[in-house]
N, C-alpha and C. Protein backbone atom coordinates (compact mmCIF):
# COMPACT_ATOMS: atom_id res chain seq x y z
N UNK A 1 -29.11 -6.13 -27.04
CA UNK A 1 -28.51 -5.00 -26.35
C UNK A 1 -27.93 -5.45 -25.01
N UNK A 2 -26.74 -4.97 -24.65
CA UNK A 2 -26.08 -5.32 -23.40
C UNK A 2 -26.64 -4.46 -22.27
N UNK A 3 -27.58 -5.00 -21.50
CA UNK A 3 -28.22 -4.23 -20.44
C UNK A 3 -27.31 -4.03 -19.23
N UNK A 4 -26.25 -4.84 -19.06
CA UNK A 4 -25.31 -4.64 -17.95
C UNK A 4 -24.69 -3.25 -18.01
N UNK A 5 -24.62 -2.70 -19.21
CA UNK A 5 -24.04 -1.38 -19.39
C UNK A 5 -24.89 -0.31 -18.71
N UNK A 6 -26.18 -0.59 -18.50
CA UNK A 6 -27.10 0.38 -17.92
C UNK A 6 -27.16 0.30 -16.39
N UNK A 7 -26.64 -0.76 -15.80
CA UNK A 7 -26.70 -0.95 -14.36
C UNK A 7 -25.51 -0.30 -13.66
N UNK A 8 -25.76 0.20 -12.46
CA UNK A 8 -24.67 0.75 -11.66
C UNK A 8 -23.78 -0.41 -11.22
N UNK A 9 -22.47 -0.30 -11.41
CA UNK A 9 -21.57 -1.38 -11.00
C UNK A 9 -21.64 -1.62 -9.48
N UNK A 10 -21.60 -2.88 -9.10
CA UNK A 10 -21.67 -3.26 -7.69
C UNK A 10 -20.58 -2.57 -6.88
N UNK A 11 -19.37 -2.51 -7.42
CA UNK A 11 -18.27 -1.90 -6.67
C UNK A 11 -18.50 -0.41 -6.41
N UNK A 12 -19.24 0.26 -7.29
CA UNK A 12 -19.54 1.68 -7.06
C UNK A 12 -20.54 1.82 -5.92
N UNK A 13 -21.53 0.94 -5.85
CA UNK A 13 -22.46 0.95 -4.72
C UNK A 13 -21.73 0.67 -3.41
N UNK A 14 -20.78 -0.24 -3.46
CA UNK A 14 -19.98 -0.53 -2.26
C UNK A 14 -19.18 0.70 -1.87
N UNK A 15 -18.57 1.38 -2.83
CA UNK A 15 -17.81 2.60 -2.55
C UNK A 15 -18.72 3.67 -1.93
N UNK A 16 -19.92 3.81 -2.46
CA UNK A 16 -20.86 4.80 -1.91
C UNK A 16 -21.22 4.49 -0.46
N UNK A 17 -21.28 3.20 -0.12
CA UNK A 17 -21.61 2.81 1.26
C UNK A 17 -20.53 3.23 2.25
N UNK A 18 -19.36 3.59 1.74
CA UNK A 18 -18.23 3.98 2.60
C UNK A 18 -18.07 5.50 2.71
N UNK A 19 -18.94 6.26 2.04
CA UNK A 19 -18.85 7.72 2.10
C UNK A 19 -18.75 8.19 3.55
N UNK A 20 -17.81 9.07 3.81
CA UNK A 20 -17.63 9.62 5.16
C UNK A 20 -16.55 8.95 5.98
N UNK A 21 -16.10 7.75 5.57
CA UNK A 21 -15.00 7.11 6.30
C UNK A 21 -13.80 8.04 6.20
N UNK A 22 -13.17 8.34 7.35
CA UNK A 22 -12.07 9.29 7.32
C UNK A 22 -10.96 8.90 8.29
N UNK A 23 -9.80 9.49 8.04
CA UNK A 23 -8.65 9.28 8.91
C UNK A 23 -8.95 9.84 10.30
N UNK A 24 -8.31 9.26 11.30
CA UNK A 24 -8.43 9.75 12.67
C UNK A 24 -7.12 10.46 13.01
N UNK A 25 -7.21 11.70 13.39
CA UNK A 25 -6.01 12.47 13.74
C UNK A 25 -5.38 11.91 15.01
N UNK A 26 -4.06 11.91 15.04
CA UNK A 26 -3.35 11.45 16.23
C UNK A 26 -2.85 10.03 16.10
N UNK A 27 -2.66 9.38 17.23
CA UNK A 27 -2.06 8.04 17.26
C UNK A 27 -3.03 6.92 16.91
N UNK A 28 -4.33 7.17 17.01
CA UNK A 28 -5.31 6.15 16.66
C UNK A 28 -5.47 6.11 15.14
N UNK A 29 -5.96 4.96 14.62
CA UNK A 29 -6.14 4.80 13.19
C UNK A 29 -7.50 4.17 12.91
N UNK A 30 -8.13 4.59 11.83
CA UNK A 30 -9.44 4.08 11.47
C UNK A 30 -9.32 2.63 10.99
N UNK A 31 -10.02 1.73 11.67
CA UNK A 31 -9.92 0.30 11.36
C UNK A 31 -10.42 -0.02 9.95
N UNK A 32 -11.36 0.78 9.43
CA UNK A 32 -11.84 0.53 8.06
C UNK A 32 -10.73 0.81 7.06
N UNK A 33 -9.97 1.88 7.26
CA UNK A 33 -8.88 2.20 6.35
C UNK A 33 -7.79 1.13 6.44
N UNK A 34 -7.53 0.65 7.63
CA UNK A 34 -6.54 -0.43 7.79
C UNK A 34 -7.02 -1.69 7.06
N UNK A 35 -8.34 -1.93 7.06
CA UNK A 35 -8.91 -3.06 6.32
C UNK A 35 -8.70 -2.86 4.81
N UNK A 36 -8.86 -1.63 4.32
CA UNK A 36 -8.60 -1.36 2.90
C UNK A 36 -7.15 -1.70 2.58
N UNK A 37 -6.23 -1.28 3.45
CA UNK A 37 -4.80 -1.53 3.23
C UNK A 37 -4.48 -3.03 3.13
N UNK A 38 -5.21 -3.85 3.88
CA UNK A 38 -4.93 -5.30 3.89
C UNK A 38 -5.22 -5.97 2.55
N UNK A 39 -5.84 -5.26 1.61
CA UNK A 39 -6.07 -5.82 0.28
C UNK A 39 -4.89 -5.56 -0.65
N UNK A 40 -3.82 -4.98 -0.11
CA UNK A 40 -2.62 -4.69 -0.89
C UNK A 40 -1.42 -5.39 -0.26
N UNK A 41 -0.28 -5.26 -0.89
CA UNK A 41 0.94 -5.87 -0.38
C UNK A 41 1.76 -4.90 0.47
N UNK A 42 1.11 -3.87 1.03
CA UNK A 42 1.82 -2.95 1.92
C UNK A 42 2.44 -3.73 3.08
N UNK A 43 3.61 -3.29 3.53
CA UNK A 43 4.21 -3.95 4.69
C UNK A 43 3.42 -3.59 5.95
N UNK A 44 3.63 -4.34 7.02
CA UNK A 44 2.86 -4.16 8.25
C UNK A 44 2.95 -2.74 8.81
N UNK A 45 4.11 -2.14 8.70
CA UNK A 45 4.29 -0.79 9.24
C UNK A 45 3.42 0.23 8.49
N UNK A 46 3.47 0.19 7.17
CA UNK A 46 2.68 1.14 6.37
C UNK A 46 1.18 0.82 6.45
N UNK A 47 0.84 -0.46 6.44
CA UNK A 47 -0.57 -0.86 6.46
C UNK A 47 -1.23 -0.61 7.80
N UNK A 48 -0.46 -0.32 8.82
CA UNK A 48 -1.00 -0.08 10.16
C UNK A 48 -1.32 1.37 10.45
N UNK A 49 -1.25 2.22 9.42
CA UNK A 49 -1.49 3.66 9.61
C UNK A 49 -2.54 4.14 8.62
N UNK A 50 -3.48 4.95 9.11
CA UNK A 50 -4.46 5.50 8.18
C UNK A 50 -3.93 6.73 7.46
N UNK A 51 -2.74 7.20 7.83
CA UNK A 51 -2.12 8.32 7.12
C UNK A 51 -1.36 7.86 5.87
N UNK A 52 -1.07 6.57 5.77
CA UNK A 52 -0.43 6.04 4.57
C UNK A 52 -1.40 6.26 3.41
N UNK A 53 -0.93 6.82 2.28
CA UNK A 53 -1.84 7.06 1.15
C UNK A 53 -2.67 5.80 0.86
N UNK A 54 -4.00 5.98 0.76
CA UNK A 54 -4.88 4.82 0.70
C UNK A 54 -5.90 4.83 -0.43
N UNK A 55 -5.72 5.67 -1.44
CA UNK A 55 -6.70 5.67 -2.55
C UNK A 55 -6.72 4.32 -3.26
N UNK A 56 -5.56 3.75 -3.55
CA UNK A 56 -5.50 2.47 -4.24
C UNK A 56 -5.99 1.33 -3.34
N UNK A 57 -5.69 1.41 -2.06
CA UNK A 57 -6.19 0.41 -1.11
C UNK A 57 -7.72 0.39 -1.12
N UNK A 58 -8.31 1.58 -1.16
CA UNK A 58 -9.77 1.69 -1.18
C UNK A 58 -10.36 1.07 -2.45
N UNK A 59 -9.79 1.36 -3.60
CA UNK A 59 -10.29 0.80 -4.86
C UNK A 59 -10.14 -0.72 -4.85
N UNK A 60 -8.98 -1.22 -4.38
CA UNK A 60 -8.77 -2.67 -4.27
C UNK A 60 -9.84 -3.30 -3.39
N UNK A 61 -10.11 -2.70 -2.24
CA UNK A 61 -11.09 -3.24 -1.29
C UNK A 61 -12.49 -3.29 -1.91
N UNK A 62 -12.91 -2.20 -2.55
CA UNK A 62 -14.25 -2.14 -3.16
C UNK A 62 -14.41 -3.23 -4.22
N UNK A 63 -13.40 -3.39 -5.06
CA UNK A 63 -13.48 -4.41 -6.11
C UNK A 63 -13.51 -5.81 -5.53
N UNK A 64 -12.66 -6.06 -4.54
CA UNK A 64 -12.64 -7.37 -3.90
C UNK A 64 -14.00 -7.68 -3.25
N UNK A 65 -14.59 -6.69 -2.59
CA UNK A 65 -15.92 -6.87 -1.98
C UNK A 65 -16.97 -7.21 -3.04
N UNK A 66 -16.78 -6.69 -4.25
CA UNK A 66 -17.71 -6.95 -5.35
C UNK A 66 -17.39 -8.23 -6.11
N UNK A 67 -16.30 -8.91 -5.72
CA UNK A 67 -15.96 -10.18 -6.35
C UNK A 67 -14.99 -10.09 -7.51
N UNK A 68 -14.26 -8.97 -7.62
CA UNK A 68 -13.30 -8.79 -8.70
C UNK A 68 -11.89 -8.66 -8.16
N UNK A 69 -10.93 -9.10 -8.96
CA UNK A 69 -9.52 -8.94 -8.60
C UNK A 69 -9.10 -7.50 -8.84
N UNK A 70 -8.30 -6.98 -7.92
CA UNK A 70 -7.71 -5.66 -8.09
C UNK A 70 -6.25 -5.81 -8.46
N UNK A 71 -5.49 -4.78 -8.17
CA UNK A 71 -4.05 -4.85 -8.45
C UNK A 71 -3.27 -5.41 -7.27
N UNK A 72 -3.87 -5.40 -6.08
CA UNK A 72 -3.19 -5.76 -4.83
C UNK A 72 -2.02 -4.84 -4.55
N UNK A 73 -1.99 -3.70 -5.20
CA UNK A 73 -0.88 -2.76 -5.09
C UNK A 73 -1.39 -1.45 -4.50
N UNK A 74 -0.61 -0.83 -3.64
CA UNK A 74 -1.02 0.42 -3.00
C UNK A 74 -0.70 1.65 -3.84
N UNK A 75 -0.07 1.47 -4.99
CA UNK A 75 0.26 2.61 -5.85
C UNK A 75 -0.87 2.89 -6.83
N UNK A 76 -1.30 4.14 -6.89
CA UNK A 76 -2.39 4.53 -7.79
C UNK A 76 -2.06 4.21 -9.25
N UNK A 77 -0.83 4.42 -9.63
CA UNK A 77 -0.48 4.19 -11.04
C UNK A 77 -0.46 2.71 -11.41
N UNK A 78 -0.53 1.80 -10.42
CA UNK A 78 -0.58 0.36 -10.72
C UNK A 78 -1.84 0.00 -11.51
N UNK A 79 -2.86 0.83 -11.47
CA UNK A 79 -4.11 0.57 -12.16
C UNK A 79 -4.02 0.83 -13.66
N UNK A 80 -2.97 1.48 -14.11
CA UNK A 80 -2.86 1.84 -15.52
C UNK A 80 -2.66 0.64 -16.45
N UNK A 81 -2.21 -0.49 -15.92
CA UNK A 81 -2.01 -1.69 -16.73
C UNK A 81 -2.96 -2.81 -16.31
N UNK A 82 -3.96 -2.48 -15.53
CA UNK A 82 -4.91 -3.46 -14.98
C UNK A 82 -6.20 -3.44 -15.79
N UNK A 83 -6.87 -4.56 -15.87
CA UNK A 83 -8.20 -4.63 -16.48
C UNK A 83 -8.21 -4.27 -17.95
N UNK A 84 -9.33 -3.75 -18.39
CA UNK A 84 -9.53 -3.38 -19.78
C UNK A 84 -9.50 -1.86 -19.89
N UNK A 85 -8.76 -1.36 -20.86
CA UNK A 85 -8.71 0.08 -21.09
C UNK A 85 -10.00 0.55 -21.76
N UNK A 86 -10.55 1.64 -21.25
CA UNK A 86 -11.71 2.26 -21.87
C UNK A 86 -11.26 3.56 -22.53
N UNK A 87 -11.74 3.82 -23.72
CA UNK A 87 -11.40 5.06 -24.41
C UNK A 87 -12.28 6.21 -23.94
N UNK A 88 -13.47 5.87 -23.47
CA UNK A 88 -14.41 6.86 -22.94
C UNK A 88 -14.82 6.41 -21.54
N UNK A 89 -15.09 7.37 -20.64
CA UNK A 89 -15.47 6.97 -19.28
C UNK A 89 -16.86 6.34 -19.23
N UNK A 90 -17.03 5.52 -18.23
CA UNK A 90 -18.30 4.85 -17.95
C UNK A 90 -18.51 4.93 -16.44
N UNK A 91 -19.74 5.14 -15.98
CA UNK A 91 -19.99 5.26 -14.55
C UNK A 91 -19.34 4.10 -13.80
N UNK A 92 -18.53 4.44 -12.81
CA UNK A 92 -17.88 3.43 -11.98
C UNK A 92 -16.53 2.96 -12.47
N UNK A 93 -16.11 3.41 -13.66
CA UNK A 93 -14.81 2.93 -14.14
C UNK A 93 -13.69 3.46 -13.24
N UNK A 94 -12.64 2.69 -13.16
CA UNK A 94 -11.48 3.06 -12.37
C UNK A 94 -10.73 4.12 -13.17
N UNK A 95 -10.46 5.24 -12.52
CA UNK A 95 -9.89 6.40 -13.20
C UNK A 95 -8.60 6.81 -12.51
N UNK A 96 -7.56 6.99 -13.30
CA UNK A 96 -6.27 7.43 -12.77
C UNK A 96 -5.99 8.84 -13.27
N UNK A 97 -5.71 9.73 -12.32
CA UNK A 97 -5.36 11.10 -12.64
C UNK A 97 -4.02 11.42 -11.99
N UNK A 98 -3.43 12.53 -12.42
CA UNK A 98 -2.18 12.98 -11.80
C UNK A 98 -2.17 14.49 -11.75
N UNK A 99 -1.73 15.00 -10.62
CA UNK A 99 -1.59 16.43 -10.47
C UNK A 99 -0.60 16.94 -11.51
N UNK A 100 -0.89 18.05 -12.16
CA UNK A 100 0.00 18.57 -13.20
C UNK A 100 1.34 19.04 -12.67
N UNK A 101 1.43 19.30 -11.36
CA UNK A 101 2.75 19.67 -10.80
C UNK A 101 3.55 18.45 -10.38
N UNK A 102 2.98 17.23 -10.51
CA UNK A 102 3.67 15.94 -10.35
C UNK A 102 4.33 15.74 -8.99
N UNK A 103 3.94 16.48 -8.01
CA UNK A 103 4.53 16.31 -6.68
C UNK A 103 3.45 16.04 -5.65
N UNK A 104 3.79 16.20 -4.37
CA UNK A 104 2.81 15.98 -3.31
C UNK A 104 1.54 16.79 -3.54
N UNK A 105 0.40 16.15 -3.27
CA UNK A 105 -0.89 16.79 -3.53
C UNK A 105 -1.81 16.56 -2.34
N UNK A 106 -2.13 17.62 -1.62
CA UNK A 106 -2.96 17.51 -0.41
C UNK A 106 -4.38 17.05 -0.73
N UNK A 107 -4.90 17.39 -1.89
CA UNK A 107 -6.27 17.02 -2.25
C UNK A 107 -6.43 15.51 -2.35
N UNK A 108 -5.40 14.83 -2.88
CA UNK A 108 -5.48 13.38 -3.07
C UNK A 108 -4.64 12.61 -2.06
N UNK A 109 -3.85 13.30 -1.25
CA UNK A 109 -2.99 12.62 -0.29
C UNK A 109 -1.80 11.92 -0.93
N UNK A 110 -1.54 12.22 -2.19
CA UNK A 110 -0.48 11.54 -2.93
C UNK A 110 0.86 12.23 -2.76
N UNK A 111 1.90 11.43 -2.65
CA UNK A 111 3.25 11.99 -2.57
C UNK A 111 3.85 12.20 -3.96
N UNK A 112 3.30 11.50 -4.97
CA UNK A 112 3.83 11.61 -6.35
C UNK A 112 2.83 12.22 -7.32
N UNK A 113 1.68 12.61 -6.82
CA UNK A 113 0.69 13.26 -7.66
C UNK A 113 -0.34 12.36 -8.31
N UNK A 114 -0.14 11.02 -8.27
CA UNK A 114 -1.11 10.10 -8.86
C UNK A 114 -2.26 9.84 -7.89
N UNK A 115 -3.44 9.60 -8.46
CA UNK A 115 -4.62 9.29 -7.65
C UNK A 115 -5.51 8.35 -8.46
N UNK A 116 -6.17 7.41 -7.77
CA UNK A 116 -7.10 6.49 -8.42
C UNK A 116 -8.42 6.54 -7.66
N UNK A 117 -9.52 6.53 -8.42
CA UNK A 117 -10.86 6.58 -7.83
C UNK A 117 -11.86 6.11 -8.88
N UNK A 118 -13.13 6.16 -8.53
CA UNK A 118 -14.19 5.73 -9.43
C UNK A 118 -14.82 6.94 -10.12
N UNK A 119 -14.99 6.83 -11.44
CA UNK A 119 -15.58 7.89 -12.24
C UNK A 119 -17.07 8.02 -11.93
N UNK A 120 -17.52 9.26 -11.76
CA UNK A 120 -18.94 9.54 -11.55
C UNK A 120 -19.50 10.39 -12.69
N UNK A 121 -18.81 11.46 -13.04
CA UNK A 121 -19.29 12.37 -14.10
C UNK A 121 -18.16 13.31 -14.48
N UNK A 122 -18.42 14.09 -15.53
CA UNK A 122 -17.47 15.15 -15.87
C UNK A 122 -18.22 16.34 -16.43
N UNK A 123 -17.52 17.44 -16.50
CA UNK A 123 -18.03 18.66 -17.10
C UNK A 123 -16.92 19.19 -18.00
N UNK A 124 -17.15 20.28 -18.70
CA UNK A 124 -16.07 20.82 -19.54
C UNK A 124 -14.84 21.24 -18.73
N UNK A 125 -15.02 21.44 -17.43
CA UNK A 125 -13.93 21.98 -16.62
C UNK A 125 -13.38 21.04 -15.55
N UNK A 126 -14.08 19.92 -15.28
CA UNK A 126 -13.62 19.05 -14.20
C UNK A 126 -14.10 17.62 -14.40
N UNK A 127 -13.52 16.73 -13.61
CA UNK A 127 -13.94 15.33 -13.57
C UNK A 127 -14.35 15.04 -12.13
N UNK A 128 -15.49 14.36 -11.95
CA UNK A 128 -16.02 14.06 -10.61
C UNK A 128 -15.72 12.60 -10.30
N UNK A 129 -15.04 12.39 -9.17
CA UNK A 129 -14.64 11.05 -8.76
C UNK A 129 -15.10 10.75 -7.34
N UNK A 130 -15.42 9.48 -7.10
CA UNK A 130 -15.70 8.99 -5.75
C UNK A 130 -14.50 8.14 -5.37
N UNK A 131 -13.84 8.52 -4.28
CA UNK A 131 -12.65 7.77 -3.92
C UNK A 131 -12.27 7.92 -2.47
N UNK A 132 -11.29 7.14 -2.09
CA UNK A 132 -10.71 7.20 -0.76
C UNK A 132 -9.52 8.13 -0.75
N UNK A 133 -9.22 8.66 0.41
CA UNK A 133 -8.09 9.58 0.61
C UNK A 133 -8.24 10.85 -0.22
N UNK A 134 -9.47 11.28 -0.38
CA UNK A 134 -9.75 12.56 -1.01
C UNK A 134 -10.00 13.52 0.15
N UNK A 135 -8.99 14.35 0.43
CA UNK A 135 -8.99 15.20 1.63
C UNK A 135 -9.17 14.33 2.88
N UNK A 136 -8.44 13.19 2.89
CA UNK A 136 -8.36 12.28 4.03
C UNK A 136 -9.67 11.53 4.34
N UNK A 137 -10.56 11.42 3.36
CA UNK A 137 -11.81 10.69 3.60
C UNK A 137 -12.33 10.08 2.30
N UNK A 138 -13.34 9.24 2.42
CA UNK A 138 -14.06 8.75 1.25
C UNK A 138 -15.10 9.81 0.93
N UNK A 139 -15.02 10.35 -0.28
CA UNK A 139 -15.96 11.40 -0.67
C UNK A 139 -16.01 11.56 -2.18
N UNK A 140 -16.96 12.35 -2.61
CA UNK A 140 -17.06 12.78 -4.00
C UNK A 140 -16.28 14.07 -4.14
N UNK A 141 -15.46 14.18 -5.17
CA UNK A 141 -14.65 15.38 -5.38
C UNK A 141 -14.62 15.73 -6.86
N UNK A 142 -14.56 17.02 -7.14
CA UNK A 142 -14.37 17.51 -8.50
C UNK A 142 -12.91 17.89 -8.67
N UNK A 143 -12.29 17.37 -9.72
CA UNK A 143 -10.88 17.66 -10.02
C UNK A 143 -10.81 18.53 -11.27
N UNK A 144 -10.38 19.79 -11.12
CA UNK A 144 -10.30 20.69 -12.28
C UNK A 144 -9.31 20.19 -13.33
N UNK A 145 -9.74 20.18 -14.58
CA UNK A 145 -8.89 19.73 -15.68
C UNK A 145 -7.64 20.59 -15.80
N UNK A 146 -7.71 21.85 -15.40
CA UNK A 146 -6.54 22.73 -15.48
C UNK A 146 -5.46 22.33 -14.49
N UNK A 147 -5.81 21.53 -13.45
CA UNK A 147 -4.85 21.13 -12.42
C UNK A 147 -4.46 19.65 -12.47
N UNK A 148 -5.26 18.83 -13.17
CA UNK A 148 -5.04 17.38 -13.19
C UNK A 148 -5.04 16.84 -14.61
N UNK A 149 -4.16 15.86 -14.85
CA UNK A 149 -4.09 15.15 -16.13
C UNK A 149 -4.80 13.82 -15.99
N UNK A 150 -5.59 13.46 -16.97
CA UNK A 150 -6.22 12.15 -17.00
C UNK A 150 -5.21 11.16 -17.56
N UNK A 151 -4.97 10.06 -16.84
CA UNK A 151 -4.03 9.04 -17.32
C UNK A 151 -4.71 7.77 -17.79
N UNK A 152 -5.97 7.56 -17.43
CA UNK A 152 -6.64 6.38 -17.96
C UNK A 152 -7.93 6.02 -17.27
N UNK A 153 -8.79 5.35 -18.05
CA UNK A 153 -10.02 4.75 -17.55
C UNK A 153 -9.86 3.24 -17.71
N UNK A 154 -10.21 2.48 -16.66
CA UNK A 154 -10.07 1.03 -16.71
C UNK A 154 -11.35 0.36 -16.22
N UNK A 155 -11.55 -0.88 -16.68
CA UNK A 155 -12.75 -1.65 -16.32
C UNK A 155 -12.31 -3.05 -15.91
N UNK A 156 -12.91 -3.61 -14.83
CA UNK A 156 -12.52 -4.95 -14.39
C UNK A 156 -12.84 -6.02 -15.43
N UNK A 157 -12.03 -7.06 -15.41
CA UNK A 157 -12.28 -8.17 -16.34
C UNK A 157 -12.14 -9.52 -15.68
N UNK A 158 -11.55 -9.58 -14.48
CA UNK A 158 -11.30 -10.88 -13.87
C UNK A 158 -11.97 -10.99 -12.50
N UNK A 159 -12.87 -11.93 -12.38
CA UNK A 159 -13.53 -12.19 -11.09
C UNK A 159 -12.64 -13.02 -10.18
N UNK A 160 -12.85 -12.88 -8.89
CA UNK A 160 -12.16 -13.68 -7.90
C UNK A 160 -12.78 -15.08 -7.95
N UNK A 161 -11.95 -16.09 -7.98
CA UNK A 161 -12.44 -17.47 -8.02
C UNK A 161 -12.50 -18.01 -6.60
N UNK A 162 -13.59 -18.72 -6.29
CA UNK A 162 -13.68 -19.37 -4.98
C UNK A 162 -14.73 -18.79 -4.20
């Protein structure tokens, strides 16, 4: 029996350790969020602001901290072709959703409606995710199925070498 399946993924524990990290209103920027951005190929101007959408930056940072390669991309939808596709969710899997109105979404901070975060649980009416840039902070959020489309569950497959 594969007992690794029963353990909480390291990257999920790392994500939980960041609960409460939030954007700073005004001209100052949260240095932790800027650190998340540095795990992507964002240009210096975008990476220097905590208002720049950062859900993908957060997922990249958590995976890198756990020793896995991410997408290095700041776009949430970049995760749809990354890692191994899962047909069913598993605690900690990378989950991509999209607002059904496909436009700007204040709940996820997305300008195009896509969002990426870590799967925690679901119910008949919603999916629970732990992620960054959820109402401008790292938090647990429930996303109603009537408002969001599930685009994929992914699992890491490549460790960082070195």
